[in-house]
Protein backbone atom coordinates (compact mmCIF):
# COMPACT_ATOMS: atom_id res chain seq x y z
CA MET A 1 84.17 152.66 119.03
CA LYS A 2 85.88 151.90 115.73
CA ASP A 3 88.48 149.82 117.59
CA ILE A 4 85.74 147.84 119.35
CA LYS A 5 83.99 147.11 116.03
CA ARG A 6 87.30 146.16 114.40
CA ASN A 7 88.13 143.81 117.27
CA LEU A 8 84.66 142.25 117.11
CA CYS A 9 85.09 141.65 113.38
CA LEU A 10 88.49 140.05 113.95
CA LEU A 11 87.10 137.85 116.72
CA THR A 12 84.18 136.79 114.54
CA ALA A 13 86.51 135.96 111.66
CA PHE A 14 88.73 133.93 114.01
CA ILE A 15 85.76 131.95 115.34
CA VAL A 16 84.51 131.27 111.83
CA MET A 17 88.00 130.15 110.80
CA LEU A 18 88.18 127.78 113.77
CA GLY A 19 84.81 126.30 112.91
CA PHE A 20 85.80 125.86 109.27
CA SER A 21 89.07 124.21 110.31
CA GLY A 22 87.13 121.74 112.45
CA VAL A 23 84.96 120.78 109.49
CA VAL A 24 87.74 120.12 107.01
CA SER A 25 90.23 118.37 109.31
CA ALA A 26 89.95 114.62 108.77
CA GLU A 27 89.79 112.04 111.52
CA ARG A 28 92.80 109.75 111.17
CA ILE A 29 91.93 106.08 111.53
CA LYS A 30 93.82 102.80 111.15
CA PHE A 31 93.12 99.59 109.23
CA SER A 32 95.13 96.45 110.08
CA THR A 33 95.63 93.42 107.81
CA PRO A 34 97.65 90.23 108.50
CA THR A 35 98.96 89.86 104.95
CA PRO A 36 101.57 91.40 102.60
CA PRO A 37 100.56 94.20 100.16
CA PRO A 38 99.95 91.90 97.12
CA HIS A 39 97.44 89.76 99.05
CA ILE A 40 93.74 90.35 98.42
CA PHE A 41 93.16 91.13 102.13
CA THR A 42 95.51 94.11 101.95
CA LYS A 43 94.51 95.14 98.44
CA SER A 44 90.86 95.23 99.57
CA ALA A 45 91.75 97.24 102.66
CA ASN A 46 93.59 99.78 100.49
CA LYS A 47 90.69 100.07 98.06
CA PHE A 48 88.20 100.57 100.89
CA ALA A 49 90.49 103.04 102.70
CA ASN A 50 91.01 105.17 99.58
CA GLU A 51 87.30 105.35 98.84
CA LEU A 52 86.39 106.10 102.46
CA THR A 53 88.98 108.89 102.57
CA ALA A 54 87.59 110.33 99.32
CA GLN A 55 83.95 110.20 100.39
CA SER A 56 84.06 111.06 104.10
CA ASN A 57 85.86 112.92 106.85
CA PHE A 58 88.02 109.86 107.66
CA LYS A 59 91.64 109.65 106.54
CA THR A 60 92.38 105.93 106.65
CA LYS A 61 95.85 104.34 106.71
CA VAL A 62 96.35 100.61 106.07
CA HIS A 63 98.93 98.70 108.14
CA PRO A 64 99.73 95.32 106.48
CA LEU A 65 101.52 92.23 107.81
CA ASN A 66 100.21 92.63 111.37
CA LYS A 67 102.38 95.72 111.93
CA LEU A 68 100.00 96.84 114.68
CA GLY A 69 100.26 93.49 116.47
CA ASN A 70 99.36 89.84 115.99
CA VAL A 71 95.73 88.81 115.53
CA PRO A 72 94.89 88.45 119.26
CA ALA A 73 96.37 91.92 119.84
CA VAL A 74 94.42 93.35 116.89
CA ILE A 75 91.18 91.91 118.25
CA SER A 76 91.91 93.51 121.64
CA LEU A 77 92.64 96.84 119.96
CA LEU A 78 89.33 96.67 118.11
CA GLN A 79 87.43 95.85 121.29
CA SER A 80 89.04 98.76 123.17
CA GLY A 81 88.43 101.24 120.37
CA ALA A 82 92.17 101.86 119.85
CA LEU A 83 91.90 100.45 116.30
CA GLU A 84 89.03 101.25 113.95
CA PHE A 85 89.23 98.59 111.18
CA ALA A 86 90.87 95.22 110.56
CA ILE A 87 90.61 92.15 108.40
CA VAL A 88 90.95 89.05 110.56
CA PRO A 89 90.98 85.46 109.26
CA ALA A 90 87.70 83.71 110.01
CA GLY A 91 89.80 80.89 111.45
CA ASP A 92 90.89 83.19 114.27
CA LEU A 93 87.34 84.39 114.90
CA ALA A 94 86.14 80.78 115.17
CA ARG A 95 87.94 80.59 118.52
CA HIS A 96 85.61 83.34 119.77
CA GLU A 97 82.46 82.55 117.77
CA VAL A 98 82.14 78.87 116.89
CA SER A 99 79.81 79.37 113.92
CA PHE A 100 82.72 80.62 111.77
CA TYR A 101 83.96 77.03 111.59
CA ALA A 102 81.25 76.60 108.96
CA TRP A 103 83.53 78.20 106.37
CA PHE A 104 86.14 75.46 106.76
CA LEU A 105 84.04 72.35 106.20
CA PRO A 106 86.22 70.55 103.62
CA TYR A 107 85.14 70.50 99.98
CA THR A 108 82.12 72.75 100.56
CA PHE A 109 83.12 75.18 97.80
CA SER A 110 84.38 74.60 94.27
CA GLY A 111 86.27 77.88 94.19
CA VAL A 112 86.38 81.58 95.08
CA ALA A 113 83.19 82.49 93.20
CA ALA A 114 81.17 79.85 95.03
CA ALA A 115 82.57 80.87 98.42
CA GLY A 116 81.92 84.52 97.62
CA ALA A 117 78.30 83.80 96.78
CA ALA A 118 77.89 82.15 100.19
CA ALA A 119 78.80 85.44 101.90
CA ASN A 120 75.32 86.72 101.08
CA THR A 121 73.43 83.88 102.74
CA ARG A 122 71.33 84.63 105.79
CA SER A 123 73.47 82.36 107.96
CA ALA A 124 76.73 84.04 106.87
CA GLN A 125 75.25 87.41 107.81
CA THR A 126 74.09 86.03 111.15
CA MET A 127 77.70 85.03 111.91
CA LEU A 128 78.69 88.68 111.42
CA GLU A 129 75.86 89.88 113.66
CA ARG A 130 77.05 87.59 116.45
CA LEU A 131 80.30 89.55 116.63
CA ASP A 132 78.50 92.51 118.20
CA LYS A 133 78.60 90.82 121.59
CA LEU A 134 82.39 90.53 121.22
CA GLY A 135 82.82 94.27 120.71
CA MET A 136 83.22 94.13 116.94
CA ILE A 137 81.06 95.01 113.93
CA GLY A 138 81.21 92.48 111.10
CA LEU A 139 81.16 94.36 107.78
CA GLY A 140 81.62 91.45 105.38
CA TYR A 141 84.02 88.91 103.91
CA ILE A 142 87.12 88.94 101.72
CA PHE A 143 88.14 85.70 99.98
CA PRO A 144 91.68 84.74 99.06
CA GLY A 145 92.08 81.64 96.96
CA GLN A 146 91.17 78.15 98.03
CA ARG A 147 93.61 76.17 100.18
CA HIS A 148 96.20 73.95 98.53
CA VAL A 149 99.38 72.14 99.56
CA LEU A 150 102.84 73.47 98.80
CA SER A 151 105.60 70.95 99.55
CA LYS A 152 109.31 70.26 99.34
CA THR A 153 108.69 66.95 97.54
CA ALA A 154 105.90 66.02 95.13
CA ILE A 155 102.56 64.88 96.57
CA SER A 156 100.11 62.82 94.53
CA SER A 157 97.97 61.22 97.27
CA THR A 158 97.42 61.16 101.01
CA SER A 159 99.98 58.36 101.31
CA ASP A 160 102.66 60.89 100.33
CA LEU A 161 101.64 62.97 103.33
CA ALA A 162 102.03 60.17 105.89
CA ASN A 163 103.65 61.71 108.98
CA LYS A 164 104.74 64.75 106.97
CA LYS A 165 104.90 67.98 108.98
CA VAL A 166 102.36 70.29 107.36
CA ARG A 167 102.04 73.89 108.46
CA ALA A 168 98.36 74.15 109.30
CA PHE A 169 96.40 77.20 110.39
CA PRO A 170 96.29 77.10 114.19
CA ASN A 171 92.78 76.02 115.00
CA GLU A 172 91.16 72.70 115.68
CA ILE A 173 89.36 72.09 112.39
CA PHE A 174 92.63 72.38 110.44
CA GLU A 175 94.36 70.16 112.97
CA MET A 176 91.64 67.53 112.69
CA TRP A 177 91.66 67.71 108.88
CA TRP A 178 95.37 67.07 108.55
CA LYS A 179 95.40 64.30 111.13
CA GLN A 180 92.59 62.59 109.23
CA ALA A 181 94.69 62.95 106.05
CA GLY A 182 97.56 61.18 107.82
CA ALA A 183 99.86 64.19 108.20
CA ALA A 184 101.34 65.85 111.29
CA PRO A 185 99.80 69.36 111.53
CA THR A 186 102.23 71.99 112.79
CA ALA A 187 101.10 75.47 113.78
CA LEU A 188 103.57 78.24 112.94
CA PRO A 189 103.14 81.99 112.28
CA LEU A 190 103.70 83.21 108.72
CA PRO A 191 107.19 84.70 109.30
CA GLU A 192 108.50 81.32 110.48
CA ILE A 193 107.31 79.26 107.50
CA ALA A 194 110.14 79.93 105.02
CA PRO A 195 112.99 79.23 107.47
CA SER A 196 111.15 76.17 108.80
CA LEU A 197 110.90 74.74 105.28
CA THR A 198 114.61 75.38 104.81
CA THR A 199 115.65 73.72 108.08
CA GLY A 200 113.30 70.74 107.79
CA VAL A 201 110.97 71.75 110.61
CA LEU A 202 108.25 71.68 107.93
CA ASP A 203 107.71 69.44 104.92
CA ALA A 204 104.69 71.22 103.45
CA VAL A 205 102.31 74.15 103.88
CA ASP A 206 98.51 74.40 103.77
CA VAL A 207 98.18 77.74 102.00
CA ASP A 208 96.44 79.99 99.47
CA LEU A 209 98.18 81.06 96.27
CA ASP A 210 98.32 84.77 97.15
CA ILE A 211 100.54 83.92 100.11
CA VAL A 212 102.67 81.53 98.05
CA VAL A 213 103.32 84.23 95.44
CA GLY A 214 103.50 87.18 97.84
CA LEU A 215 105.98 85.58 100.25
CA LYS A 216 107.71 83.38 97.64
CA PHE A 217 107.43 80.16 99.63
CA TYR A 218 107.98 78.26 96.37
CA LYS A 219 111.69 79.01 96.71
CA GLN A 220 111.81 76.59 99.65
CA ALA A 221 108.99 74.27 98.50
CA PRO A 222 108.75 73.96 94.69
CA HIS A 223 105.84 71.50 94.44
CA LEU A 224 102.19 72.61 94.44
CA ALA A 225 99.34 70.12 94.77
CA LEU A 226 95.98 71.69 93.88
CA THR A 227 93.83 70.07 96.55
CA ASN A 228 91.23 72.89 96.69
CA HIS A 229 90.18 71.51 100.07
CA MET A 230 88.89 74.59 101.92
CA ALA A 231 87.91 78.21 101.59
CA PHE A 232 89.69 80.72 103.82
CA PRO A 233 87.76 83.97 104.20
CA GLY A 234 88.87 87.00 106.09
CA VAL A 235 86.29 89.04 107.97
CA ALA A 236 86.32 92.84 107.76
CA LEU A 237 85.71 94.27 111.22
CA ALA A 238 85.11 97.65 112.79
CA SER A 239 85.50 98.49 116.44
CA LYS A 240 82.03 98.53 118.00
CA LYS A 241 83.15 101.10 120.56
CA TRP A 242 84.23 103.43 117.76
CA TRP A 243 81.27 102.49 115.52
CA ASP A 244 78.69 103.37 118.16
CA GLY A 245 79.99 106.95 118.19
CA LEU A 246 79.44 107.41 114.44
CA SER A 247 76.46 109.08 112.86
CA ALA A 248 73.90 106.90 111.10
CA ASN A 249 75.01 108.45 107.82
CA ASP A 250 78.68 107.52 108.41
CA GLN A 251 77.69 103.97 109.33
CA LYS A 252 75.64 103.70 106.14
CA THR A 253 78.52 105.03 104.02
CA ILE A 254 80.97 102.53 105.52
CA ARG A 255 78.63 99.58 104.97
CA GLN A 256 77.95 100.59 101.38
CA LEU A 257 81.65 101.05 100.61
CA PHE A 258 82.54 97.70 102.09
CA ALA A 259 79.74 95.92 100.22
CA SER A 260 81.22 97.37 97.02
CA THR A 261 84.73 96.32 98.09
CA GLN A 262 83.59 92.77 98.84
CA LYS A 263 82.02 92.40 95.40
CA TRP A 264 85.12 93.87 93.72
CA ALA A 265 87.47 91.58 95.68
CA ILE A 266 85.63 88.40 94.64
CA GLY A 267 85.99 89.32 90.98
CA GLU A 268 89.65 90.27 91.45
CA GLN A 269 90.48 87.03 93.21
CA VAL A 270 88.83 84.85 90.57
CA LYS A 271 91.24 86.44 88.05
CA ALA A 272 94.15 86.29 90.51
CA GLU A 273 93.84 82.52 90.92
CA ALA A 274 94.65 81.99 87.24
CA ASN A 275 97.34 84.69 87.27
CA ASN A 276 99.01 83.21 90.34
CA LEU A 277 99.22 79.80 88.69
CA ASP A 278 100.81 81.38 85.61
CA LYS A 279 103.38 83.15 87.82
CA LEU A 280 104.22 79.93 89.65
CA ARG A 281 104.64 77.99 86.39
CA ALA A 282 106.95 80.74 85.16
CA GLU A 283 109.00 80.32 88.33
CA GLY A 284 109.40 76.62 87.62
CA VAL A 285 107.01 75.33 90.29
CA SER A 286 105.78 71.78 89.67
CA ILE A 287 101.95 71.87 89.71
CA SER A 288 99.67 68.85 89.97
CA GLU A 289 95.98 68.26 90.70
CA ILE A 290 94.76 65.86 93.36
CA ASP A 291 91.27 64.44 93.66
CA SER A 292 91.94 61.65 96.09
CA ALA A 293 89.21 59.44 97.53
CA ASP A 294 91.23 59.41 100.76
CA PHE A 295 90.89 63.19 101.06
CA ARG A 296 87.16 62.88 100.51
CA LYS A 297 86.88 60.29 103.29
CA ALA A 298 88.75 62.60 105.65
CA ALA A 299 86.41 65.43 104.65
CA VAL A 300 83.31 63.48 105.69
CA VAL A 301 84.75 62.78 109.16
CA VAL A 302 85.67 66.42 109.75
CA ARG A 303 82.41 67.77 108.33
CA ASP A 304 80.24 65.48 110.44
CA ALA A 305 82.13 66.41 113.60
CA PHE A 306 81.81 70.17 113.10
CA LEU A 307 78.23 70.26 111.83
CA LYS A 308 77.23 69.35 115.39
CA ARG A 309 79.07 72.26 117.00
CA ASP A 310 76.41 74.89 116.41
CA SER A 311 73.02 74.97 114.69
CA LEU A 312 74.20 77.91 112.57
CA ILE A 313 76.96 75.74 111.07
CA GLN A 314 74.36 73.21 109.94
CA GLU A 315 72.12 76.02 108.68
CA PHE A 316 74.97 77.52 106.66
CA TYR A 317 75.90 74.15 105.15
CA ASN A 318 72.27 73.52 104.18
CA GLU A 319 71.98 76.94 102.53
CA VAL A 320 75.22 76.51 100.58
CA LYS A 321 74.44 72.99 99.44
């Protein structure tokens, strides 16, 4: 009888131990970003991941520089549930949901703070909601700096760009913008930019300052023209397939943490813009400002063409302006 009782006690203790182990073991999840560690996309992912790990049962690891695959592969992984989180450039999402082109209407924003404020508009939130049908949950936006032009030779006006090969983000609004500015837009992935500048495949790059500093493109192209022509947000995404299996409390925690991360990232990037310029000056980069009437004319053509693409683009532009 004593042996039976002892065995029952041991069995009960083992069951309790198993249950306790199940409670404390964290679910391991992945977060993909397309950028190097110093970029605000990856810094924001790390901040969010650390806070989520501290406040929940999720142990989150960030994978920068598209280590889990290029953007199309990352989107597929999100849709299948094989990847839980990612930051994807809004320019890539525009191929799937046309309303995201609204973010790239030239000269809509004066800087990071203005673009960040636009993330809270009703139309910007509606863009995120539209991603549900694509198998992704839009959590919010992260803003690197505005777009500028880094070049091998100095640029002071659009005439200096005539027929120059400019690395442009691979979607149609960037292509149209650079053609209107008189340049020859060339789509290349990030790893190919530096060697292409060296070999003459490229003359210039349409880029944000975090990328210039993080990947040191100024070593191949030492001239920076501050055109400030577009914003370039990334969109933080969760897999809908994974999300739908979460508790309401976990979903609430994730949304709250990302809202806090978004606000933090805007403030960080406003400071980073000035710091990046200081770093580039210290590296001997030639920096000039351009406010060309020719760029403004090109902006009107591009803006008018894309405002007609979707009523939400027009709505967003009206709200921002």
